């Protein structure tokens, strides 16, 4: 476990299993829990269909989480998705992903979260 990663050092493990699970649940649920249930209930009008929709969404999220967990087990280094892309596809796709994540994905997520919370103030 003391093997160095691509950048020459290994990040210390300071997050335990319960803390990591809480972070993942918080990120997965996010602010959508305040917005989505009313929309789904209004569109489907049947409690069983709404529950099936939530179950299918949970299964899709679980598939994504298990895929990232498999990558983390196969490539145990710091850097997250960037490190996996760097190892798999090279520097250009990893660079493009990193900047797209920063400039587009994170900005859009923060904007959506701010909009949703502003509606509930």
N, C-alpha and C. Protein backbone atom coordinates (compact mmCIF):
# COMPACT_ATOMS: atom_id res chain seq x y z
N UNK A 1 0.80 -1.21 0.00
CA UNK A 1 0.00 0.00 0.00
C UNK A 1 0.84 1.27 0.00
N UNK A 2 2.14 1.13 0.04
CA UNK A 2 2.99 2.32 0.03
C UNK A 2 3.52 2.63 -1.35
N UNK A 3 3.04 1.91 -2.36
CA UNK A 3 3.52 2.14 -3.72
C UNK A 3 3.09 3.53 -4.18
N UNK A 4 4.02 4.25 -4.84
CA UNK A 4 3.74 5.61 -5.29
C UNK A 4 2.86 5.58 -6.53
N UNK A 5 2.05 6.64 -6.72
CA UNK A 5 1.23 6.72 -7.92
C UNK A 5 2.00 7.47 -9.01
N UNK A 6 1.31 7.83 -10.08
CA UNK A 6 1.97 8.45 -11.24
C UNK A 6 2.64 9.78 -10.90
N UNK A 7 2.19 10.46 -9.86
CA UNK A 7 2.75 11.76 -9.50
C UNK A 7 3.82 11.64 -8.42
N UNK A 8 4.15 10.41 -8.01
CA UNK A 8 5.27 10.23 -7.11
C UNK A 8 4.92 10.07 -5.65
N UNK A 9 3.69 10.26 -5.26
CA UNK A 9 3.33 10.07 -3.86
C UNK A 9 1.90 9.58 -3.77
N UNK A 10 1.59 9.01 -2.67
CA UNK A 10 0.26 8.45 -2.45
C UNK A 10 -0.50 9.33 -1.48
N UNK A 11 -1.77 9.59 -1.81
CA UNK A 11 -2.60 10.41 -0.94
C UNK A 11 -2.94 9.62 0.32
N UNK A 12 -2.92 10.26 1.49
CA UNK A 12 -3.28 9.54 2.71
C UNK A 12 -4.78 9.23 2.74
N UNK A 13 -5.14 8.08 3.26
CA UNK A 13 -6.55 7.69 3.36
C UNK A 13 -7.10 8.22 4.67
N UNK A 14 -7.91 9.26 4.57
CA UNK A 14 -8.46 9.86 5.78
C UNK A 14 -9.97 9.76 5.86
N UNK A 15 -10.62 9.29 4.80
CA UNK A 15 -12.07 9.16 4.79
C UNK A 15 -12.41 7.69 5.01
N UNK A 16 -13.24 7.44 6.04
CA UNK A 16 -13.64 6.07 6.33
C UNK A 16 -14.83 5.64 5.48
N UNK A 17 -15.26 4.40 5.64
CA UNK A 17 -16.36 3.89 4.83
C UNK A 17 -17.67 4.64 5.03
N UNK A 18 -17.99 5.01 6.26
CA UNK A 18 -19.25 5.71 6.52
C UNK A 18 -19.22 7.13 5.97
N UNK A 19 -18.10 7.79 6.10
CA UNK A 19 -17.97 9.14 5.55
C UNK A 19 -18.04 9.11 4.03
N UNK A 20 -17.39 8.15 3.42
CA UNK A 20 -17.42 8.03 1.97
C UNK A 20 -18.84 7.73 1.48
N UNK A 21 -19.54 6.86 2.18
CA UNK A 21 -20.93 6.55 1.80
C UNK A 21 -21.81 7.78 1.92
N UNK A 22 -21.61 8.58 2.97
CA UNK A 22 -22.40 9.80 3.14
C UNK A 22 -22.13 10.80 2.03
N UNK A 23 -20.88 10.92 1.63
CA UNK A 23 -20.54 11.83 0.53
C UNK A 23 -21.18 11.37 -0.77
N UNK A 24 -21.11 10.08 -1.06
CA UNK A 24 -21.68 9.55 -2.30
C UNK A 24 -23.20 9.72 -2.32
N UNK A 25 -23.85 9.44 -1.20
CA UNK A 25 -25.31 9.63 -1.14
C UNK A 25 -25.66 11.09 -1.32
N UNK A 26 -24.93 11.99 -0.68
CA UNK A 26 -25.19 13.42 -0.82
C UNK A 26 -25.00 13.92 -2.23
N UNK A 27 -23.97 13.44 -2.90
CA UNK A 27 -23.71 13.86 -4.28
C UNK A 27 -24.77 13.28 -5.21
N UNK A 28 -25.14 12.02 -4.99
CA UNK A 28 -26.11 11.36 -5.86
C UNK A 28 -27.49 12.00 -5.73
N UNK A 29 -27.93 12.22 -4.52
CA UNK A 29 -29.25 12.82 -4.31
C UNK A 29 -29.22 14.30 -4.66
N UNK A 30 -28.22 15.00 -4.13
CA UNK A 30 -28.05 16.41 -4.44
C UNK A 30 -29.29 17.24 -4.17
N UNK A 31 -29.48 18.26 -4.97
CA UNK A 31 -30.63 19.13 -4.79
C UNK A 31 -31.84 18.64 -5.56
N UNK A 32 -31.67 17.62 -6.38
CA UNK A 32 -32.78 17.09 -7.17
C UNK A 32 -33.91 16.54 -6.32
N UNK A 33 -33.61 16.15 -5.09
CA UNK A 33 -34.64 15.62 -4.22
C UNK A 33 -35.71 16.67 -3.91
N UNK A 34 -35.36 17.95 -4.03
CA UNK A 34 -36.33 19.01 -3.79
C UNK A 34 -37.17 19.32 -5.02
N UNK A 35 -36.71 18.94 -6.19
CA UNK A 35 -37.35 19.34 -7.43
C UNK A 35 -38.05 18.19 -8.16
N UNK A 36 -37.42 17.05 -8.20
CA UNK A 36 -37.86 15.97 -9.08
C UNK A 36 -39.12 15.24 -8.61
N UNK A 37 -39.33 14.95 -7.32
CA UNK A 37 -40.51 14.17 -6.94
C UNK A 37 -41.83 14.78 -7.40
N UNK A 38 -41.98 16.08 -7.29
CA UNK A 38 -43.23 16.72 -7.71
C UNK A 38 -43.42 16.59 -9.22
N UNK A 39 -42.36 16.72 -9.97
CA UNK A 39 -42.45 16.59 -11.43
C UNK A 39 -42.83 15.17 -11.82
N UNK A 40 -42.20 14.18 -11.20
CA UNK A 40 -42.51 12.78 -11.52
C UNK A 40 -43.95 12.46 -11.13
N UNK A 41 -44.36 12.88 -9.94
CA UNK A 41 -45.73 12.60 -9.50
C UNK A 41 -46.75 13.28 -10.40
N UNK A 42 -46.45 14.48 -10.87
CA UNK A 42 -47.37 15.19 -11.75
C UNK A 42 -47.47 14.55 -13.12
N UNK A 43 -46.38 14.01 -13.63
CA UNK A 43 -46.38 13.40 -14.96
C UNK A 43 -46.97 11.99 -14.96
N UNK A 44 -46.66 11.20 -13.95
CA UNK A 44 -47.07 9.79 -13.96
C UNK A 44 -48.44 9.55 -13.35
N UNK A 45 -48.81 10.30 -12.32
CA UNK A 45 -50.11 10.22 -11.66
C UNK A 45 -50.43 8.84 -11.06
N UNK A 46 -49.46 7.98 -10.93
CA UNK A 46 -49.66 6.67 -10.31
C UNK A 46 -48.48 6.38 -9.39
N UNK A 47 -48.76 6.11 -8.12
CA UNK A 47 -47.65 5.89 -7.18
C UNK A 47 -46.74 4.72 -7.58
N UNK A 48 -47.32 3.65 -8.12
CA UNK A 48 -46.51 2.51 -8.53
C UNK A 48 -45.55 2.86 -9.65
N UNK A 49 -46.04 3.63 -10.62
CA UNK A 49 -45.18 4.04 -11.73
C UNK A 49 -44.08 4.98 -11.26
N UNK A 50 -44.41 5.85 -10.31
CA UNK A 50 -43.40 6.76 -9.77
C UNK A 50 -42.31 5.97 -9.02
N UNK A 51 -42.72 4.98 -8.25
CA UNK A 51 -41.74 4.16 -7.53
C UNK A 51 -40.87 3.36 -8.50
N UNK A 52 -41.47 2.86 -9.58
CA UNK A 52 -40.71 2.14 -10.59
C UNK A 52 -39.69 3.06 -11.25
N UNK A 53 -40.10 4.30 -11.50
CA UNK A 53 -39.19 5.28 -12.09
C UNK A 53 -38.00 5.53 -11.16
N UNK A 54 -38.26 5.68 -9.86
CA UNK A 54 -37.18 5.89 -8.89
C UNK A 54 -36.29 4.65 -8.80
N UNK A 55 -36.88 3.47 -8.87
CA UNK A 55 -36.11 2.24 -8.80
C UNK A 55 -35.18 2.12 -10.02
N UNK A 56 -35.70 2.40 -11.19
CA UNK A 56 -34.87 2.35 -12.40
C UNK A 56 -33.74 3.38 -12.35
N UNK A 57 -34.05 4.58 -11.88
CA UNK A 57 -33.00 5.59 -11.73
C UNK A 57 -31.93 5.17 -10.74
N UNK A 58 -32.36 4.53 -9.65
CA UNK A 58 -31.40 4.02 -8.68
C UNK A 58 -30.51 2.93 -9.25
N UNK A 59 -31.09 2.06 -10.08
CA UNK A 59 -30.29 1.01 -10.72
C UNK A 59 -29.27 1.59 -11.69
N UNK A 60 -29.66 2.61 -12.43
CA UNK A 60 -28.71 3.27 -13.34
C UNK A 60 -27.58 3.92 -12.54
N UNK A 61 -27.93 4.60 -11.44
CA UNK A 61 -26.90 5.21 -10.59
C UNK A 61 -25.99 4.15 -9.98
N UNK A 62 -26.56 3.02 -9.59
CA UNK A 62 -25.76 1.93 -9.03
C UNK A 62 -24.78 1.38 -10.07
N UNK A 63 -25.22 1.23 -11.31
CA UNK A 63 -24.32 0.77 -12.38
C UNK A 63 -23.15 1.74 -12.57
N UNK A 64 -23.43 3.02 -12.55
CA UNK A 64 -22.36 4.01 -12.67
C UNK A 64 -21.41 3.95 -11.49
N UNK A 65 -21.95 3.82 -10.28
CA UNK A 65 -21.11 3.75 -9.09
C UNK A 65 -20.24 2.50 -9.10
N UNK A 66 -20.80 1.37 -9.50
CA UNK A 66 -20.02 0.14 -9.55
C UNK A 66 -18.95 0.19 -10.63
N UNK A 67 -19.23 0.88 -11.73
CA UNK A 67 -18.22 1.03 -12.78
C UNK A 67 -17.03 1.84 -12.28
N UNK A 68 -17.30 2.93 -11.58
CA UNK A 68 -16.22 3.75 -11.03
C UNK A 68 -15.48 2.98 -9.94
N UNK A 69 -16.20 2.19 -9.14
CA UNK A 69 -15.55 1.38 -8.11
C UNK A 69 -14.61 0.36 -8.74
N UNK A 70 -15.01 -0.23 -9.85
CA UNK A 70 -14.15 -1.19 -10.55
C UNK A 70 -12.89 -0.50 -11.07
N UNK A 71 -13.05 0.69 -11.64
CA UNK A 71 -11.88 1.45 -12.10
C UNK A 71 -10.97 1.80 -10.93
N UNK A 72 -11.55 2.19 -9.81
CA UNK A 72 -10.75 2.55 -8.64
C UNK A 72 -9.97 1.35 -8.11
N UNK A 73 -10.58 0.17 -8.17
CA UNK A 73 -9.87 -1.03 -7.71
C UNK A 73 -8.77 -1.43 -8.69
N UNK A 74 -9.02 -1.23 -9.98
CA UNK A 74 -8.03 -1.63 -10.99
C UNK A 74 -6.88 -0.63 -11.09
N UNK A 75 -7.17 0.64 -10.89
CA UNK A 75 -6.15 1.70 -11.01
C UNK A 75 -6.14 2.53 -9.73
N UNK A 76 -5.55 2.03 -8.66
CA UNK A 76 -5.58 2.73 -7.37
C UNK A 76 -4.59 3.89 -7.31
N UNK A 77 -5.01 5.04 -7.81
CA UNK A 77 -4.15 6.23 -7.75
C UNK A 77 -5.02 7.45 -7.56
N UNK A 78 -4.43 8.53 -7.15
CA UNK A 78 -5.18 9.76 -6.96
C UNK A 78 -5.48 10.41 -8.31
N UNK A 79 -6.56 11.18 -8.35
CA UNK A 79 -6.91 11.87 -9.58
C UNK A 79 -8.30 11.55 -10.09
N UNK A 80 -8.92 10.51 -9.58
CA UNK A 80 -10.29 10.17 -9.96
C UNK A 80 -10.42 9.83 -11.43
N UNK A 81 -11.51 10.29 -12.04
CA UNK A 81 -11.81 9.99 -13.44
C UNK A 81 -10.69 10.49 -14.35
N UNK A 82 -10.09 11.62 -14.00
CA UNK A 82 -8.97 12.14 -14.79
C UNK A 82 -7.86 11.11 -14.90
N UNK A 83 -7.50 10.51 -13.78
CA UNK A 83 -6.41 9.51 -13.77
C UNK A 83 -6.79 8.29 -14.60
N UNK A 84 -8.05 7.88 -14.56
CA UNK A 84 -8.48 6.72 -15.34
C UNK A 84 -8.44 7.03 -16.83
N UNK A 85 -8.87 8.22 -17.21
CA UNK A 85 -8.81 8.62 -18.62
C UNK A 85 -7.37 8.77 -19.09
N UNK A 86 -6.52 9.33 -18.23
CA UNK A 86 -5.11 9.49 -18.58
C UNK A 86 -4.46 8.13 -18.84
N UNK A 87 -4.76 7.17 -18.01
CA UNK A 87 -4.20 5.82 -18.16
C UNK A 87 -4.77 5.11 -19.39
N UNK A 88 -6.06 5.31 -19.65
CA UNK A 88 -6.72 4.57 -20.72
C UNK A 88 -6.55 5.19 -22.10
N UNK A 89 -6.68 6.51 -22.19
CA UNK A 89 -6.74 7.17 -23.50
C UNK A 89 -5.62 8.15 -23.77
N UNK A 90 -4.84 8.49 -22.76
CA UNK A 90 -3.74 9.42 -22.96
C UNK A 90 -4.04 10.82 -22.45
N UNK A 91 -3.09 11.74 -22.65
CA UNK A 91 -3.21 13.06 -22.03
C UNK A 91 -4.28 13.97 -22.63
N UNK A 92 -4.52 13.92 -23.93
CA UNK A 92 -5.49 14.85 -24.52
C UNK A 92 -6.92 14.62 -24.04
N UNK A 93 -7.46 13.40 -24.10
CA UNK A 93 -8.81 13.21 -23.58
C UNK A 93 -8.92 13.52 -22.09
N UNK A 94 -7.89 13.18 -21.32
CA UNK A 94 -7.91 13.49 -19.89
C UNK A 94 -7.92 14.99 -19.65
N UNK A 95 -7.10 15.72 -20.41
CA UNK A 95 -7.06 17.18 -20.31
C UNK A 95 -8.41 17.79 -20.67
N UNK A 96 -8.98 17.33 -21.79
CA UNK A 96 -10.28 17.86 -22.22
C UNK A 96 -11.37 17.56 -21.20
N UNK A 97 -11.36 16.35 -20.64
CA UNK A 97 -12.33 16.01 -19.61
C UNK A 97 -12.18 16.92 -18.40
N UNK A 98 -10.94 17.11 -17.95
CA UNK A 98 -10.71 17.95 -16.77
C UNK A 98 -11.23 19.36 -16.94
N UNK A 99 -10.93 19.97 -18.06
CA UNK A 99 -11.38 21.35 -18.28
C UNK A 99 -12.88 21.42 -18.55
N UNK A 100 -13.44 20.43 -19.23
CA UNK A 100 -14.88 20.41 -19.44
C UNK A 100 -15.61 20.23 -18.11
N UNK A 101 -15.08 19.36 -17.27
CA UNK A 101 -15.67 19.16 -15.95
C UNK A 101 -15.66 20.45 -15.15
N UNK A 102 -14.55 21.17 -15.19
CA UNK A 102 -14.44 22.41 -14.43
C UNK A 102 -15.31 23.52 -15.00
N UNK A 103 -15.21 23.75 -16.30
CA UNK A 103 -15.85 24.92 -16.91
C UNK A 103 -17.33 24.71 -17.23
N UNK A 104 -17.74 23.48 -17.50
CA UNK A 104 -19.12 23.26 -17.94
C UNK A 104 -19.92 22.48 -16.89
N UNK A 105 -19.47 21.29 -16.55
CA UNK A 105 -20.27 20.41 -15.71
C UNK A 105 -20.44 20.98 -14.31
N UNK A 106 -19.36 21.37 -13.68
CA UNK A 106 -19.46 21.92 -12.32
C UNK A 106 -20.23 23.23 -12.29
N UNK A 107 -19.99 24.08 -13.28
CA UNK A 107 -20.71 25.36 -13.34
C UNK A 107 -22.20 25.13 -13.54
N UNK A 108 -22.57 24.21 -14.41
CA UNK A 108 -23.99 23.92 -14.65
C UNK A 108 -24.64 23.31 -13.40
N UNK A 109 -23.93 22.43 -12.73
CA UNK A 109 -24.47 21.82 -11.52
C UNK A 109 -24.68 22.86 -10.42
N UNK A 110 -23.72 23.75 -10.26
CA UNK A 110 -23.87 24.81 -9.25
C UNK A 110 -25.01 25.75 -9.61
N UNK A 111 -25.14 26.07 -10.89
CA UNK A 111 -26.24 26.93 -11.32
C UNK A 111 -27.60 26.28 -11.09
N UNK A 112 -27.71 24.99 -11.40
CA UNK A 112 -28.97 24.28 -11.17
C UNK A 112 -29.29 24.19 -9.68
N UNK A 113 -28.28 23.91 -8.87
CA UNK A 113 -28.49 23.84 -7.43
C UNK A 113 -28.93 25.18 -6.87
N UNK A 114 -28.29 26.26 -7.31
CA UNK A 114 -28.67 27.60 -6.85
C UNK A 114 -30.09 27.94 -7.26
N UNK A 115 -30.47 27.58 -8.48
CA UNK A 115 -31.83 27.85 -8.95
C UNK A 115 -32.86 27.08 -8.14
N UNK A 116 -32.60 25.81 -7.89
CA UNK A 116 -33.54 25.00 -7.12
C UNK A 116 -33.68 25.52 -5.70
N UNK A 117 -32.57 25.84 -5.05
CA UNK A 117 -32.67 26.34 -3.68
C UNK A 117 -33.29 27.73 -3.63
N UNK A 118 -33.10 28.54 -4.66
CA UNK A 118 -33.74 29.86 -4.69
C UNK A 118 -35.25 29.74 -4.77
N UNK A 119 -35.75 28.70 -5.43
CA UNK A 119 -37.19 28.49 -5.51
C UNK A 119 -37.79 28.12 -4.16
N UNK A 120 -36.98 27.55 -3.26
CA UNK A 120 -37.48 27.10 -1.97
C UNK A 120 -37.19 28.07 -0.83
N UNK A 121 -36.63 29.22 -1.12
CA UNK A 121 -36.37 30.20 -0.06
C UNK A 121 -37.60 31.00 0.26
